[in-house]
Amino acid sequence: MRKSEAVHRHLPTSPFKPRVEPPRKEFAVGDRVTHDTYGLGRTIAVEGDTAVLVDFGTRQERITQPFTGMFKL
């Protein structure tokens, strides 16, 4: 068997854990959110799973994936 065909098992006690993707953030119209830069807001439009338009009171911002710094309340 060639090295490229080998299957790697990850043991539960191994210090070298496989990379696990964080869960995708999903937002819906009307969700209350907080953003590290802009503060509190409410989603007013959702563009599939690629972007969200958020009203922060004084301004509206289009936040794109991976939505870093934005969390649903």
N, C-alpha and C. Protein backbone atom coordinates (compact mmCIF):
# COMPACT_ATOMS: atom_id res chain seq x y z
N MET A 1 0.84 -1.16 0.00
CA MET A 1 0.00 0.00 0.00
C MET A 1 0.90 1.24 0.00
N ARG A 2 0.55 2.18 -0.88
CA ARG A 2 1.33 3.42 -0.92
C ARG A 2 0.88 4.34 0.20
N LYS A 3 1.76 5.27 0.53
CA LYS A 3 1.48 6.18 1.63
C LYS A 3 0.24 7.02 1.35
N SER A 4 0.00 7.42 0.12
CA SER A 4 -1.15 8.25 -0.20
C SER A 4 -2.47 7.49 -0.05
N GLU A 5 -2.42 6.16 -0.07
CA GLU A 5 -3.62 5.35 0.06
C GLU A 5 -3.91 4.96 1.50
N ALA A 6 -3.00 5.25 2.40
CA ALA A 6 -3.17 4.85 3.79
C ALA A 6 -4.31 5.63 4.44
N VAL A 7 -5.00 4.95 5.33
CA VAL A 7 -6.07 5.59 6.08
C VAL A 7 -5.52 5.90 7.47
N HIS A 8 -5.70 7.15 7.89
CA HIS A 8 -5.18 7.56 9.18
C HIS A 8 -6.28 7.47 10.23
N ARG A 9 -6.01 6.74 11.29
CA ARG A 9 -6.93 6.69 12.42
C ARG A 9 -6.45 7.69 13.46
N HIS A 10 -7.36 8.38 14.06
CA HIS A 10 -7.02 9.30 15.13
C HIS A 10 -7.46 8.67 16.44
N LEU A 11 -6.51 8.39 17.29
CA LEU A 11 -6.81 7.80 18.58
C LEU A 11 -7.35 8.86 19.53
N PRO A 12 -8.29 8.50 20.39
CA PRO A 12 -8.88 9.48 21.29
C PRO A 12 -7.88 10.08 22.27
N THR A 13 -6.81 9.36 22.57
CA THR A 13 -5.81 9.87 23.52
C THR A 13 -4.67 10.60 22.84
N SER A 14 -4.70 10.71 21.52
CA SER A 14 -3.62 11.35 20.78
C SER A 14 -3.63 12.86 21.01
N PRO A 15 -2.46 13.46 21.22
CA PRO A 15 -2.41 14.92 21.36
C PRO A 15 -2.60 15.64 20.02
N PHE A 16 -2.54 14.90 18.92
CA PHE A 16 -2.68 15.48 17.59
C PHE A 16 -4.10 15.23 17.10
N LYS A 17 -5.00 16.09 17.49
CA LYS A 17 -6.42 15.94 17.15
C LYS A 17 -6.65 16.35 15.70
N PRO A 18 -7.61 15.71 15.03
CA PRO A 18 -7.94 16.13 13.67
C PRO A 18 -8.60 17.50 13.70
N ARG A 19 -8.45 18.24 12.61
CA ARG A 19 -9.07 19.56 12.53
C ARG A 19 -10.57 19.41 12.43
N VAL A 20 -11.26 20.13 13.26
CA VAL A 20 -12.72 20.10 13.26
C VAL A 20 -13.19 21.49 12.89
N GLU A 21 -14.02 21.56 11.85
CA GLU A 21 -14.55 22.85 11.43
C GLU A 21 -15.59 23.33 12.41
N PRO A 22 -15.52 24.60 12.80
CA PRO A 22 -16.55 25.11 13.71
C PRO A 22 -17.91 25.12 13.02
N PRO A 23 -18.98 25.01 13.77
CA PRO A 23 -20.31 25.01 13.14
C PRO A 23 -20.56 26.32 12.43
N ARG A 24 -21.28 26.24 11.31
CA ARG A 24 -21.58 27.43 10.53
C ARG A 24 -22.62 28.27 11.25
N LYS A 25 -22.43 29.56 11.23
CA LYS A 25 -23.38 30.47 11.85
C LYS A 25 -24.52 30.72 10.87
N GLU A 26 -25.74 30.61 11.36
CA GLU A 26 -26.91 30.85 10.53
C GLU A 26 -27.74 31.96 11.16
N PHE A 27 -28.18 32.88 10.32
CA PHE A 27 -28.98 34.01 10.78
C PHE A 27 -30.27 34.08 9.98
N ALA A 28 -31.33 34.60 10.60
CA ALA A 28 -32.61 34.78 9.94
C ALA A 28 -33.02 36.25 10.09
N VAL A 29 -33.94 36.69 9.25
CA VAL A 29 -34.43 38.06 9.32
C VAL A 29 -35.09 38.27 10.68
N GLY A 30 -34.71 39.35 11.34
CA GLY A 30 -35.28 39.67 12.64
C GLY A 30 -34.43 39.22 13.82
N ASP A 31 -33.36 38.48 13.58
CA ASP A 31 -32.50 38.04 14.68
C ASP A 31 -31.78 39.23 15.30
N ARG A 32 -31.69 39.23 16.62
CA ARG A 32 -30.88 40.22 17.34
C ARG A 32 -29.46 39.70 17.35
N VAL A 33 -28.51 40.56 17.01
CA VAL A 33 -27.10 40.15 16.94
C VAL A 33 -26.23 41.20 17.62
N THR A 34 -25.01 40.78 17.93
CA THR A 34 -24.01 41.71 18.42
C THR A 34 -22.76 41.52 17.57
N HIS A 35 -22.08 42.63 17.30
CA HIS A 35 -20.87 42.59 16.49
C HIS A 35 -19.76 43.28 17.26
N ASP A 36 -18.56 42.74 17.20
CA ASP A 36 -17.44 43.29 17.95
C ASP A 36 -17.13 44.74 17.58
N THR A 37 -17.35 45.13 16.34
CA THR A 37 -17.05 46.49 15.88
C THR A 37 -18.26 47.41 15.94
N TYR A 38 -19.43 46.92 15.50
CA TYR A 38 -20.59 47.78 15.32
C TYR A 38 -21.57 47.77 16.49
N GLY A 39 -21.51 46.80 17.37
CA GLY A 39 -22.39 46.74 18.53
C GLY A 39 -23.65 45.93 18.28
N LEU A 40 -24.76 46.34 18.93
CA LEU A 40 -26.03 45.62 18.84
C LEU A 40 -26.77 45.98 17.56
N GLY A 41 -27.44 44.97 16.99
CA GLY A 41 -28.20 45.22 15.77
C GLY A 41 -29.25 44.16 15.54
N ARG A 42 -29.98 44.32 14.43
CA ARG A 42 -31.01 43.36 14.04
C ARG A 42 -30.86 43.08 12.56
N THR A 43 -30.92 41.79 12.19
CA THR A 43 -30.78 41.43 10.78
C THR A 43 -32.04 41.85 10.03
N ILE A 44 -31.82 42.47 8.86
CA ILE A 44 -32.95 42.93 8.06
C ILE A 44 -33.02 42.22 6.71
N ALA A 45 -31.94 41.53 6.33
CA ALA A 45 -31.96 40.75 5.09
C ALA A 45 -30.89 39.67 5.18
N VAL A 46 -31.19 38.53 4.56
CA VAL A 46 -30.24 37.41 4.52
C VAL A 46 -30.03 37.03 3.06
N GLU A 47 -28.77 37.00 2.64
CA GLU A 47 -28.43 36.64 1.26
C GLU A 47 -27.90 35.21 1.24
N GLY A 48 -28.81 34.25 1.30
CA GLY A 48 -28.41 32.84 1.32
C GLY A 48 -27.57 32.56 2.55
N ASP A 49 -26.45 31.88 2.35
CA ASP A 49 -25.53 31.65 3.46
C ASP A 49 -24.22 32.41 3.26
N THR A 50 -24.27 33.46 2.41
CA THR A 50 -23.04 34.20 2.12
C THR A 50 -22.94 35.54 2.83
N ALA A 51 -24.07 36.22 3.07
CA ALA A 51 -24.02 37.54 3.68
C ALA A 51 -25.31 37.85 4.42
N VAL A 52 -25.21 38.80 5.34
CA VAL A 52 -26.36 39.25 6.13
C VAL A 52 -26.31 40.77 6.18
N LEU A 53 -27.45 41.42 5.98
CA LEU A 53 -27.54 42.87 6.11
C LEU A 53 -28.10 43.16 7.50
N VAL A 54 -27.35 43.96 8.27
CA VAL A 54 -27.70 44.20 9.66
C VAL A 54 -27.89 45.70 9.88
N ASP A 55 -28.98 46.05 10.59
CA ASP A 55 -29.25 47.43 10.96
C ASP A 55 -28.74 47.63 12.39
N PHE A 56 -27.72 48.49 12.52
CA PHE A 56 -27.14 48.77 13.83
C PHE A 56 -27.65 50.08 14.42
N GLY A 57 -28.76 50.58 13.91
CA GLY A 57 -29.34 51.82 14.43
C GLY A 57 -28.84 53.03 13.66
N THR A 58 -27.56 53.34 13.78
CA THR A 58 -27.00 54.50 13.09
C THR A 58 -26.50 54.17 11.70
N ARG A 59 -26.35 52.90 11.41
CA ARG A 59 -25.84 52.49 10.09
C ARG A 59 -26.28 51.07 9.78
N GLN A 60 -26.26 50.75 8.49
CA GLN A 60 -26.53 49.39 8.03
C GLN A 60 -25.25 48.83 7.44
N GLU A 61 -24.93 47.61 7.80
CA GLU A 61 -23.71 46.97 7.31
C GLU A 61 -24.03 45.61 6.71
N ARG A 62 -23.34 45.29 5.64
CA ARG A 62 -23.43 43.96 5.01
C ARG A 62 -22.25 43.15 5.54
N ILE A 63 -22.55 42.12 6.32
CA ILE A 63 -21.53 41.26 6.92
C ILE A 63 -21.49 39.96 6.14
N THR A 64 -20.29 39.58 5.68
CA THR A 64 -20.15 38.36 4.87
C THR A 64 -19.59 37.21 5.68
N GLN A 65 -19.68 36.00 5.10
CA GLN A 65 -19.13 34.80 5.74
C GLN A 65 -17.68 35.02 6.02
N PRO A 66 -17.08 34.55 7.02
CA PRO A 66 -17.55 33.60 8.04
C PRO A 66 -18.16 34.29 9.25
N PHE A 67 -18.63 35.52 9.12
CA PHE A 67 -19.31 36.25 10.18
C PHE A 67 -18.45 36.36 11.44
N THR A 68 -17.15 36.60 11.27
CA THR A 68 -16.28 36.72 12.43
C THR A 68 -16.66 37.96 13.23
N GLY A 69 -16.74 37.80 14.52
CA GLY A 69 -17.06 38.90 15.41
C GLY A 69 -18.54 39.15 15.55
N MET A 70 -19.41 38.38 14.88
CA MET A 70 -20.85 38.58 14.99
C MET A 70 -21.49 37.34 15.61
N PHE A 71 -22.35 37.59 16.60
CA PHE A 71 -22.98 36.50 17.32
C PHE A 71 -24.46 36.77 17.49
N LYS A 72 -25.26 35.70 17.44
CA LYS A 72 -26.70 35.80 17.65
C LYS A 72 -26.98 35.87 19.13
N LEU A 73 -27.90 36.74 19.53
CA LEU A 73 -28.28 36.85 20.94
C LEU A 73 -29.45 35.98 21.27
